[in-house]
Amino acid sequence: MEIKLILFSSERCSVCHALKIKVEELAKEFKTQFEEISIDENPEVAANRLILSAPVVLLEIDGKEVNRWAGVFSISEIESFLRRIL
Protein backbone atom coordinates (compact mmCIF):
# COMPACT_ATOMS: atom_id res chain seq x y z
CA MET A 1 0.00 0.00 0.00
CA GLU A 2 1.46 3.36 -1.08
CA ILE A 3 0.41 6.25 1.16
CA LYS A 4 1.26 9.85 0.32
CA LEU A 5 0.59 13.23 1.90
CA ILE A 6 0.63 16.03 -0.68
CA LEU A 7 0.83 19.67 0.38
CA PHE A 8 -0.31 22.23 -2.19
CA SER A 9 1.31 25.50 -1.21
CA SER A 10 2.04 29.00 -2.47
CA GLU A 11 5.10 31.19 -2.06
CA ARG A 12 2.89 33.99 -0.68
CA CYS A 13 1.29 31.73 1.93
CA SER A 14 3.01 32.02 5.32
CA VAL A 15 0.74 29.34 6.78
CA CYS A 16 1.94 26.97 4.05
CA HIS A 17 5.56 27.35 5.13
CA ALA A 18 4.74 26.49 8.76
CA LEU A 19 2.42 23.68 7.71
CA LYS A 20 5.07 22.07 5.52
CA ILE A 21 7.24 21.28 8.54
CA LYS A 22 4.31 19.73 10.42
CA VAL A 23 3.11 17.64 7.46
CA GLU A 24 6.66 16.38 6.86
CA GLU A 25 6.83 15.33 10.53
CA LEU A 26 3.51 13.47 10.19
CA ALA A 27 4.75 11.72 7.06
CA LYS A 28 7.82 10.51 8.94
CA GLU A 29 5.79 9.41 11.97
CA PHE A 30 3.33 7.41 9.86
CA LYS A 31 5.99 6.26 7.38
CA THR A 32 4.22 7.81 4.41
CA GLN A 33 5.59 9.63 1.41
CA PHE A 34 5.51 13.44 1.34
CA GLU A 35 5.32 15.75 -1.63
CA GLU A 36 4.96 19.52 -1.85
CA ILE A 37 3.49 21.08 -4.98
CA SER A 38 3.57 24.82 -5.56
CA ILE A 39 0.34 26.09 -7.08
CA ASP A 40 2.34 29.08 -8.38
CA GLU A 41 4.80 26.92 -10.32
CA ASN A 42 2.36 24.12 -11.22
CA PRO A 43 -1.03 25.74 -11.85
CA GLU A 44 -2.09 22.97 -14.26
CA VAL A 45 -1.48 20.28 -11.62
CA ALA A 46 -3.47 22.29 -9.08
CA ALA A 47 -6.29 22.86 -11.58
CA ASN A 48 -6.45 19.14 -12.43
CA ARG A 49 -6.88 18.39 -8.71
CA LEU A 50 -9.44 21.21 -8.29
CA ILE A 51 -7.09 23.11 -5.95
CA LEU A 52 -8.11 26.78 -6.03
CA SER A 53 -6.09 28.16 -3.11
CA ALA A 54 -3.46 27.16 -0.59
CA PRO A 55 -2.92 25.44 1.73
CA VAL A 56 -4.47 22.11 0.80
CA VAL A 57 -3.29 18.72 2.01
CA LEU A 58 -4.32 15.60 0.12
CA LEU A 59 -4.05 12.06 1.39
CA GLU A 60 -3.60 9.47 -1.34
CA ILE A 61 -3.58 5.72 -0.97
CA ASP A 62 -2.40 3.77 -3.99
CA GLY A 63 -2.76 6.89 -6.14
CA LYS A 64 -6.37 7.60 -5.17
CA GLU A 65 -7.44 10.60 -3.12
CA VAL A 66 -8.86 9.44 0.20
CA ASN A 67 -9.26 12.80 1.94
CA ARG A 68 -8.36 16.47 1.67
CA TRP A 69 -8.00 19.31 4.12
CA ALA A 70 -8.30 22.88 2.83
CA GLY A 71 -8.47 26.37 4.24
CA VAL A 72 -8.61 26.42 8.03
CA PHE A 73 -7.70 23.07 9.55
CA SER A 74 -5.39 21.75 12.24
CA ILE A 75 -2.59 19.25 11.88
CA SER A 76 -4.32 17.19 14.58
CA GLU A 77 -7.25 16.59 12.19
CA ILE A 78 -4.88 14.96 9.71
CA GLU A 79 -3.16 13.00 12.48
CA SER A 80 -6.49 11.69 13.84
CA PHE A 81 -7.58 10.60 10.37
CA LEU A 82 -4.28 8.80 9.76
CA ARG A 83 -4.56 7.00 13.12
CA ARG A 84 -8.08 5.81 12.23
CA ILE A 85 -7.21 4.41 8.81
CA LEU A 86 -3.68 3.07 9.38
PDB file of N, CA and C in Angstrom:
ATOM      1  N   MET A   1       0.857  -1.174   0.000  1.00  0.00           N
ATOM      2  CA  MET A   1       0.000   0.000   0.000  1.00  0.00           C
ATOM      3  C   MET A   1       0.903   1.237   0.000  1.00  0.00           C
ATOM      4  N   GLU A   2       0.688   2.112  -0.976  1.00  0.00           N
ATOM      5  CA  GLU A   2       1.460   3.356  -1.076  1.00  0.00           C
ATOM      6  C   GLU A   2       0.619   4.510  -0.534  1.00  0.00           C
ATOM      7  N   ILE A   3       1.129   5.152   0.513  1.00  0.00           N
ATOM      8  CA  ILE A   3       0.410   6.252   1.157  1.00  0.00           C
ATOM      9  C   ILE A   3       1.229   7.518   0.990  1.00  0.00           C
ATOM     10  N   LYS A   4       0.548   8.597   0.573  1.00  0.00           N
ATOM     11  CA  LYS A   4       1.263   9.849   0.317  1.00  0.00           C
ATOM     12  C   LYS A   4       0.460  11.034   0.830  1.00  0.00           C
ATOM     13  N   LEU A   5       1.149  11.939   1.516  1.00  0.00           N
ATOM     14  CA  LEU A   5       0.586  13.233   1.898  1.00  0.00           C
ATOM     15  C   LEU A   5       1.130  14.260   0.920  1.00  0.00           C
ATOM     16  N   ILE A   6       0.237  15.018   0.302  1.00  0.00           N
ATOM     17  CA  ILE A   6       0.634  16.028  -0.678  1.00  0.00           C
ATOM     18  C   ILE A   6       0.180  17.391  -0.181  1.00  0.00           C
ATOM     19  N   LEU A   7       1.127  18.297  -0.038  1.00  0.00           N
ATOM     20  CA  LEU A   7       0.829  19.668   0.379  1.00  0.00           C
ATOM     21  C   LEU A   7       0.859  20.565  -0.844  1.00  0.00           C
ATOM     22  N   PHE A   8      -0.259  21.201  -1.146  1.00  0.00           N
ATOM     23  CA  PHE A   8      -0.308  22.227  -2.187  1.00  0.00           C
ATOM     24  C   PHE A   8      -0.106  23.559  -1.486  1.00  0.00           C
ATOM     25  N   SER A   9       0.936  24.272  -1.896  1.00  0.00           N
ATOM     26  CA  SER A   9       1.311  25.504  -1.212  1.00  0.00           C
ATOM     27  C   SER A   9       1.534  26.625  -2.215  1.00  0.00           C
ATOM     28  N   SER A  10       1.761  27.812  -1.670  1.00  0.00           N
ATOM     29  CA  SER A  10       2.037  29.000  -2.470  1.00  0.00           C
ATOM     30  C   SER A  10       3.169  29.768  -1.799  1.00  0.00           C
ATOM     31  N   GLU A  11       3.994  30.397  -2.598  1.00  0.00           N
ATOM     32  CA  GLU A  11       5.103  31.193  -2.058  1.00  0.00           C
ATOM     33  C   GLU A  11       4.600  32.304  -1.141  1.00  0.00           C
ATOM     34  N   ARG A  12       3.434  32.854  -1.444  1.00  0.00           N
ATOM     35  CA  ARG A  12       2.890  33.986  -0.679  1.00  0.00           C
ATOM     36  C   ARG A  12       2.139  33.555   0.579  1.00  0.00           C
ATOM     37  N   CYS A  13       2.081  32.276   0.824  1.00  0.00           N
ATOM     38  CA  CYS A  13       1.285  31.727   1.931  1.00  0.00           C
ATOM     39  C   CYS A  13       2.188  31.404   3.122  1.00  0.00           C
ATOM     40  N   SER A  14       2.162  32.262   4.140  1.00  0.00           N
ATOM     41  CA  SER A  14       3.010  32.024   5.320  1.00  0.00           C
ATOM     42  C   SER A  14       2.550  30.791   6.099  1.00  0.00           C
ATOM     43  N   VAL A  15       1.261  30.534   6.102  1.00  0.00           N
ATOM     44  CA  VAL A  15       0.736  29.344   6.776  1.00  0.00           C
ATOM     45  C   VAL A  15       1.289  28.080   6.110  1.00  0.00           C
ATOM     46  N   CYS A  16       1.427  28.124   4.792  1.00  0.00           N
ATOM     47  CA  CYS A  16       1.944  26.967   4.047  1.00  0.00           C
ATOM     48  C   CYS A  16       3.348  26.598   4.500  1.00  0.00           C
ATOM     49  N   HIS A  17       4.176  27.602   4.728  1.00  0.00           N
ATOM     50  CA  HIS A  17       5.562  27.351   5.131  1.00  0.00           C
ATOM     51  C   HIS A  17       5.611  26.665   6.495  1.00  0.00           C
ATOM     52  N   ALA A  18       4.796  27.110   7.432  1.00  0.00           N
ATOM     53  CA  ALA A  18       4.742  26.490   8.760  1.00  0.00           C
ATOM     54  C   ALA A  18       4.123  25.094   8.682  1.00  0.00           C
ATOM     55  N   LEU A  19       3.114  24.957   7.852  1.00  0.00           N
ATOM     56  CA  LEU A  19       2.416  23.684   7.711  1.00  0.00           C
ATOM     57  C   LEU A  19       3.314  22.615   7.091  1.00  0.00           C
ATOM     58  N   LYS A  20       4.182  23.024   6.184  1.00  0.00           N
ATOM     59  CA  LYS A  20       5.074  22.065   5.519  1.00  0.00           C
ATOM     60  C   LYS A  20       5.875  21.266   6.542  1.00  0.00           C
ATOM     61  N   ILE A  21       6.436  21.942   7.520  1.00  0.00           N
ATOM     62  CA  ILE A  21       7.244  21.276   8.543  1.00  0.00           C
ATOM     63  C   ILE A  21       6.405  20.244   9.295  1.00  0.00           C
ATOM     64  N   LYS A  22       5.179  20.622   9.649  1.00  0.00           N
ATOM     65  CA  LYS A  22       4.314  19.728  10.418  1.00  0.00           C
ATOM     66  C   LYS A  22       3.857  18.523   9.594  1.00  0.00           C
ATOM     67  N   VAL A  23       3.547  18.749   8.316  1.00  0.00           N
ATOM     68  CA  VAL A  23       3.111  17.638   7.460  1.00  0.00           C
ATOM     69  C   VAL A  23       4.280  16.684   7.202  1.00  0.00           C
ATOM     70  N   GLU A  24       5.473  17.234   7.024  1.00  0.00           N
ATOM     71  CA  GLU A  24       6.660  16.385   6.864  1.00  0.00           C
ATOM     72  C   GLU A  24       6.877  15.514   8.103  1.00  0.00           C
ATOM     73  N   GLU A  25       6.686  16.089   9.283  1.00  0.00           N
ATOM     74  CA  GLU A  25       6.828  15.326  10.530  1.00  0.00           C
ATOM     75  C   GLU A  25       5.794  14.203  10.608  1.00  0.00           C
ATOM     76  N   LEU A  26       4.549  14.502  10.208  1.00  0.00           N
ATOM     77  CA  LEU A  26       3.509  13.469  10.192  1.00  0.00           C
ATOM     78  C   LEU A  26       3.871  12.350   9.228  1.00  0.00           C
ATOM     79  N   ALA A  27       4.366  12.719   8.059  1.00  0.00           N
ATOM     80  CA  ALA A  27       4.748  11.723   7.055  1.00  0.00           C
ATOM     81  C   ALA A  27       5.819  10.787   7.610  1.00  0.00           C
ATOM     82  N   LYS A  28       6.773  11.345   8.326  1.00  0.00           N
ATOM     83  CA  LYS A  28       7.821  10.508   8.936  1.00  0.00           C
ATOM     84  C   LYS A  28       7.232   9.605  10.017  1.00  0.00           C
ATOM     85  N   GLU A  29       6.381  10.181  10.866  1.00  0.00           N
ATOM     86  CA  GLU A  29       5.787   9.415  11.967  1.00  0.00           C
ATOM     87  C   GLU A  29       4.973   8.231  11.456  1.00  0.00           C
ATOM     88  N   PHE A  30       4.203   8.456  10.386  1.00  0.00           N
ATOM     89  CA  PHE A  30       3.328   7.411   9.858  1.00  0.00           C
ATOM     90  C   PHE A  30       3.957   6.646   8.698  1.00  0.00           C
ATOM     91  N   LYS A  31       5.232   6.938   8.439  1.00  0.00           N
ATOM     92  CA  LYS A  31       5.987   6.257   7.380  1.00  0.00           C
ATOM     93  C   LYS A  31       5.278   6.339   6.032  1.00  0.00           C
ATOM     94  N   THR A  32       4.852   7.553   5.700  1.00  0.00           N
ATOM     95  CA  THR A  32       4.217   7.807   4.409  1.00  0.00           C
ATOM     96  C   THR A  32       5.134   8.680   3.566  1.00  0.00           C
ATOM     97  N   GLN A  33       4.849   8.745   2.282  1.00  0.00           N
ATOM     98  CA  GLN A  33       5.591   9.635   1.405  1.00  0.00           C
ATOM     99  C   GLN A  33       5.062  11.050   1.589  1.00  0.00           C
ATOM    100  N   PHE A  34       5.905  12.029   1.273  1.00  0.00           N
ATOM    101  CA  PHE A  34       5.510  13.435   1.343  1.00  0.00           C
ATOM    102  C   PHE A  34       5.913  14.117   0.048  1.00  0.00           C
ATOM    103  N   GLU A  35       5.023  14.963  -0.443  1.00  0.00           N
ATOM    104  CA  GLU A  35       5.321  15.753  -1.635  1.00  0.00           C
ATOM    105  C   GLU A  35       4.725  17.143  -1.447  1.00  0.00           C
ATOM    106  N   GLU A  36       5.473  18.154  -1.853  1.00  0.00           N
ATOM    107  CA  GLU A  36       4.957  19.523  -1.849  1.00  0.00           C
ATOM    108  C   GLU A  36       4.855  19.981  -3.293  1.00  0.00           C
ATOM    109  N   ILE A  37       3.712  20.562  -3.635  1.00  0.00           N
ATOM    110  CA  ILE A  37       3.492  21.077  -4.982  1.00  0.00           C
ATOM    111  C   ILE A  37       3.111  22.543  -4.867  1.00  0.00           C
ATOM    112  N   SER A  38       3.861  23.386  -5.549  1.00  0.00           N
ATOM    113  CA  SER A  38       3.574  24.820  -5.564  1.00  0.00           C
ATOM    114  C   SER A  38       2.480  25.104  -6.587  1.00  0.00           C
ATOM    115  N   ILE A  39       1.400  25.742  -6.134  1.00  0.00           N
ATOM    116  CA  ILE A  39       0.341  26.087  -7.082  1.00  0.00           C
ATOM    117  C   ILE A  39       0.771  27.247  -7.979  1.00  0.00           C
ATOM    118  N   ASP A  40       1.804  27.992  -7.555  1.00  0.00           N
ATOM    119  CA  ASP A  40       2.336  29.078  -8.381  1.00  0.00           C
ATOM    120  C   ASP A  40       3.124  28.513  -9.561  1.00  0.00           C
ATOM    121  N   GLU A  41       3.941  27.506  -9.293  1.00  0.00           N
ATOM    122  CA  GLU A  41       4.801  26.918 -10.318  1.00  0.00           C
ATOM    123  C   GLU A  41       4.111  25.819 -11.119  1.00  0.00           C
ATOM    124  N   ASN A  42       3.065  25.240 -10.574  1.00  0.00           N
ATOM    125  CA  ASN A  42       2.363  24.121 -11.218  1.00  0.00           C
ATOM    126  C   ASN A  42       0.854  24.351 -11.250  1.00  0.00           C
ATOM    127  N   PRO A  43       0.407  25.443 -11.869  1.00  0.00           N
ATOM    128  CA  PRO A  43      -1.033  25.736 -11.851  1.00  0.00           C
ATOM    129  C   PRO A  43      -1.881  24.668 -12.537  1.00  0.00           C
ATOM    130  N   GLU A  44      -1.316  23.996 -13.552  1.00  0.00           N
ATOM    131  CA  GLU A  44      -2.085  22.966 -14.256  1.00  0.00           C
ATOM    132  C   GLU A  44      -2.314  21.741 -13.371  1.00  0.00           C
ATOM    133  N   VAL A  45      -1.324  21.402 -12.551  1.00  0.00           N
ATOM    134  CA  VAL A  45      -1.480  20.276 -11.620  1.00  0.00           C
ATOM    135  C   VAL A  45      -2.545  20.619 -10.583  1.00  0.00           C
ATOM    136  N   ALA A  46      -2.473  21.841 -10.061  1.00  0.00           N
ATOM    137  CA  ALA A  46      -3.466  22.291  -9.082  1.00  0.00           C
ATOM    138  C   ALA A  46      -4.867  22.294  -9.694  1.00  0.00           C
ATOM    139  N   ALA A  47      -4.980  22.799 -10.915  1.00  0.00           N
ATOM    140  CA  ALA A  47      -6.289  22.857 -11.577  1.00  0.00           C
ATOM    141  C   ALA A  47      -6.852  21.456 -11.805  1.00  0.00           C
ATOM    142  N   ASN A  48      -6.004  20.524 -12.202  1.00  0.00           N
ATOM    143  CA  ASN A  48      -6.454  19.145 -12.429  1.00  0.00           C
ATOM    144  C   ASN A  48      -6.959  18.486 -11.151  1.00  0.00           C
ATOM    145  N   ARG A  49      -6.454  18.935 -10.012  1.00  0.00           N
ATOM    146  CA  ARG A  49      -6.875  18.394  -8.713  1.00  0.00           C
ATOM    147  C   ARG A  49      -7.959  19.255  -8.061  1.00  0.00           C
ATOM    148  N   LEU A  50      -8.419  20.272  -8.785  1.00  0.00           N
ATOM    149  CA  LEU A  50      -9.435  21.205  -8.285  1.00  0.00           C
ATOM    150  C   LEU A  50      -8.966  21.948  -7.039  1.00  0.00           C
ATOM    151  N   ILE A  51      -7.676  22.322  -7.030  1.00  0.00           N
ATOM    152  CA  ILE A  51      -7.091  23.110  -5.949  1.00  0.00           C
ATOM    153  C   ILE A  51      -7.156  24.570  -6.370  1.00  0.00           C
ATOM    154  N   LEU A  52      -7.914  25.383  -5.653  1.00  0.00           N
ATOM    155  CA  LEU A  52      -8.106  26.779  -6.028  1.00  0.00           C
ATOM    156  C   LEU A  52      -7.289  27.740  -5.185  1.00  0.00           C
ATOM    157  N   SER A  53      -6.879  27.305  -3.997  1.00  0.00           N
ATOM    158  CA  SER A  53      -6.088  28.162  -3.113  1.00  0.00           C
ATOM    159  C   SER A  53      -5.238  27.277  -2.209  1.00  0.00           C
ATOM    160  N   ALA A  54      -4.348  27.898  -1.488  1.00  0.00           N
ATOM    161  CA  ALA A  54      -3.455  27.158  -0.594  1.00  0.00           C
ATOM    162  C   ALA A  54      -3.667  27.644   0.835  1.00  0.00           C
ATOM    163  N   PRO A  55      -3.438  26.801   1.810  1.00  0.00           N
ATOM    164  CA  PRO A  55      -2.917  25.442   1.728  1.00  0.00           C
ATOM    165  C   PRO A  55      -4.014  24.393   1.554  1.00  0.00           C
ATOM    166  N   VAL A  56      -3.631  23.298   0.917  1.00  0.00           N
ATOM    167  CA  VAL A  56      -4.472  22.113   0.805  1.00  0.00           C
ATOM    168  C   VAL A  56      -3.560  20.909   1.017  1.00  0.00           C
ATOM    169  N   VAL A  57      -4.017  19.973   1.824  1.00  0.00           N
ATOM    170  CA  VAL A  57      -3.287  18.721   2.013  1.00  0.00           C
ATOM    171  C   VAL A  57      -4.179  17.594   1.508  1.00  0.00           C
ATOM    172  N   LEU A  58      -3.619  16.779   0.617  1.00  0.00           N
ATOM    173  CA  LEU A  58      -4.321  15.602   0.115  1.00  0.00           C
ATOM    174  C   LEU A  58      -3.695  14.360   0.720  1.00  0.00           C
ATOM    175  N   LEU A  59      -4.525  13.377   0.992  1.00  0.00           N
ATOM    176  CA  LEU A  59      -4.050  12.059   1.388  1.00  0.00           C
ATOM    177  C   LEU A  59      -4.414  11.102   0.268  1.00  0.00           C
ATOM    178  N   GLU A  60      -3.387  10.462  -0.295  1.00  0.00           N
ATOM    179  CA  GLU A  60      -3.600   9.473  -1.344  1.00  0.00           C
ATOM    180  C   GLU A  60      -3.175   8.102  -0.848  1.00  0.00           C
ATOM    181  N   ILE A  61      -3.956   7.106  -1.208  1.00  0.00           N
ATOM    182  CA  ILE A  61      -3.582   5.717  -0.969  1.00  0.00           C
ATOM    183  C   ILE A  61      -3.653   5.011  -2.310  1.00  0.00           C
ATOM    184  N   ASP A  62      -2.524   4.437  -2.694  1.00  0.00           N
ATOM    185  CA  ASP A  62      -2.398   3.770  -3.989  1.00  0.00           C
ATOM    186  C   ASP A  62      -2.854   4.665  -5.140  1.00  0.00           C
ATOM    187  N   GLY A  63      -2.480   5.947  -5.062  1.00  0.00           N
ATOM    188  CA  GLY A  63      -2.759   6.887  -6.145  1.00  0.00           C
ATOM    189  C   GLY A  63      -4.162   7.465  -6.171  1.00  0.00           C
ATOM    190  N   LYS A  64      -4.998   7.094  -5.218  1.00  0.00           N
ATOM    191  CA  LYS A  64      -6.374   7.601  -5.173  1.00  0.00           C
ATOM    192  C   LYS A  64      -6.545   8.520  -3.973  1.00  0.00           C
ATOM    193  N   GLU A  65      -7.194   9.662  -4.216  1.00  0.00           N
ATOM    194  CA  GLU A  65      -7.443  10.605  -3.124  1.00  0.00           C
ATOM    195  C   GLU A  65      -8.432  10.002  -2.139  1.00  0.00           C
ATOM    196  N   VAL A  66      -8.028   9.989  -0.861  1.00  0.00           N
ATOM    197  CA  VAL A  66      -8.862   9.443   0.205  1.00  0.00           C
ATOM    198  C   VAL A  66      -9.499  10.567   1.015  1.00  0.00           C
ATOM    199  N   ASN A  67      -8.743  11.659   1.192  1.00  0.00           N
ATOM    200  CA  ASN A  67      -9.261  12.802   1.943  1.00  0.00           C
ATOM    201  C   ASN A  67      -8.468  14.037   1.564  1.00  0.00           C
ATOM    202  N   ARG A  68      -9.063  15.203   1.859  1.00  0.00           N
ATOM    203  CA  ARG A  68      -8.359  16.468   1.670  1.00  0.00           C
ATOM    204  C   ARG A  68      -8.755  17.429   2.768  1.00  0.00           C
ATOM    205  N   TRP A  69      -7.791  18.264   3.128  1.00  0.00           N
ATOM    206  CA  TRP A  69      -7.999  19.313   4.116  1.00  0.00           C
ATOM    207  C   TRP A  69      -7.634  20.619   3.439  1.00  0.00           C
ATOM    208  N   ALA A  70      -8.533  21.602   3.516  1.00  0.00           N
ATOM    209  CA  ALA A  70      -8.302  22.876   2.832  1.00  0.00           C
ATOM    210  C   ALA A  70      -8.741  24.028   3.726  1.00  0.00           C
ATOM    211  N   GLY A  71      -8.105  25.171   3.488  1.00  0.00           N
ATOM    212  CA  GLY A  71      -8.469  26.369   4.241  1.00  0.00           C
ATOM    213  C   GLY A  71      -8.004  26.289   5.680  1.00  0.00           C
ATOM    214  N   VAL A  72      -8.943  26.434   6.598  1.00  0.00           N
ATOM    215  CA  VAL A  72      -8.612  26.423   8.027  1.00  0.00           C
ATOM    216  C   VAL A  72      -8.788  25.001   8.562  1.00  0.00           C
ATOM    217  N   PHE A  73      -7.676  24.399   8.962  1.00  0.00           N
ATOM    218  CA  PHE A  73      -7.704  23.067   9.554  1.00  0.00           C
ATOM    219  C   PHE A  73      -6.483  22.936  10.458  1.00  0.00           C
ATOM    220  N   SER A  74      -6.534  21.957  11.333  1.00  0.00           N
ATOM    221  CA  SER A  74      -5.394  21.749  12.235  1.00  0.00           C
ATOM    222  C   SER A  74      -4.662  20.474  11.840  1.00  0.00           C
ATOM    223  N   ILE A  75      -3.402  20.433  12.165  1.00  0.00           N
ATOM    224  CA  ILE A  75      -2.594  19.248  11.877  1.00  0.00           C
ATOM    225  C   ILE A  75      -3.126  18.045  12.645  1.00  0.00           C
ATOM    226  N   SER A  76      -3.767  18.294  13.786  1.00  0.00           N
ATOM    227  CA  SER A  76      -4.324  17.187  14.578  1.00  0.00           C
ATOM    228  C   SER A  76      -5.480  16.498  13.851  1.00  0.00           C
ATOM    229  N   GLU A  77      -6.192  17.218  12.987  1.00  0.00           N
ATOM    230  CA  GLU A  77      -7.252  16.593  12.188  1.00  0.00           C
ATOM    231  C   GLU A  77      -6.659  15.546  11.250  1.00  0.00           C
ATOM    232  N   ILE A  78      -5.548  15.892  10.624  1.00  0.00           N
ATOM    233  CA  ILE A  78      -4.878  14.959   9.713  1.00  0.00           C
ATOM    234  C   ILE A  78      -4.348  13.770  10.505  1.00  0.00           C
ATOM    235  N   GLU A  79      -3.724  14.059  11.638  1.00  0.00           N
ATOM    236  CA  GLU A  79      -3.162  13.000  12.480  1.00  0.00           C
ATOM    237  C   GLU A  79      -4.250  12.031  12.942  1.00  0.00           C
ATOM    238  N   SER A  80      -5.381  12.547  13.383  1.00  0.00           N
ATOM    239  CA  SER A  80      -6.489  11.694  13.838  1.00  0.00           C
ATOM    240  C   SER A  80      -6.994  10.804  12.712  1.00  0.00           C
ATOM    241  N   PHE A  81      -7.115  11.374  11.526  1.00  0.00           N
ATOM    242  CA  PHE A  81      -7.580  10.604  10.375  1.00  0.00           C
ATOM    243  C   PHE A  81      -6.592   9.482  10.055  1.00  0.00           C
ATOM    244  N   LEU A  82      -5.298   9.814  10.046  1.00  0.00           N
ATOM    245  CA  LEU A  82      -4.277   8.802   9.763  1.00  0.00           C
ATOM    246  C   LEU A  82      -4.316   7.681  10.798  1.00  0.00           C
ATOM    247  N   ARG A  83      -4.508   8.025  12.058  1.00  0.00           N
ATOM    248  CA  ARG A  83      -4.564   7.002  13.115  1.00  0.00           C
ATOM    249  C   ARG A  83      -5.764   6.069  12.913  1.00  0.00           C
ATOM    250  N   ARG A  84      -6.876   6.622  12.444  1.00  0.00           N
ATOM    251  CA  ARG A  84      -8.082   5.805  12.228  1.00  0.00           C
ATOM    252  C   ARG A  84      -7.904   4.825  11.072  1.00  0.00           C
ATOM    253  N   ILE A  85      -7.249   5.265  10.007  1.00  0.00           N
ATOM    254  CA  ILE A  85      -7.206   4.411   8.815  1.00  0.00           C
ATOM    255  C   ILE A  85      -5.962   3.531   8.720  1.00  0.00           C
ATOM    256  N   LEU A  86      -4.924   3.861   9.496  1.00  0.00           N
ATOM    257  CA  LEU A  86      -3.684   3.068   9.377  1.00  0.00           C
ATOM    258  C   LEU A  86      -3.503   2.114  10.534  1.00  0.00           C
TER     259      LEU A  86
END
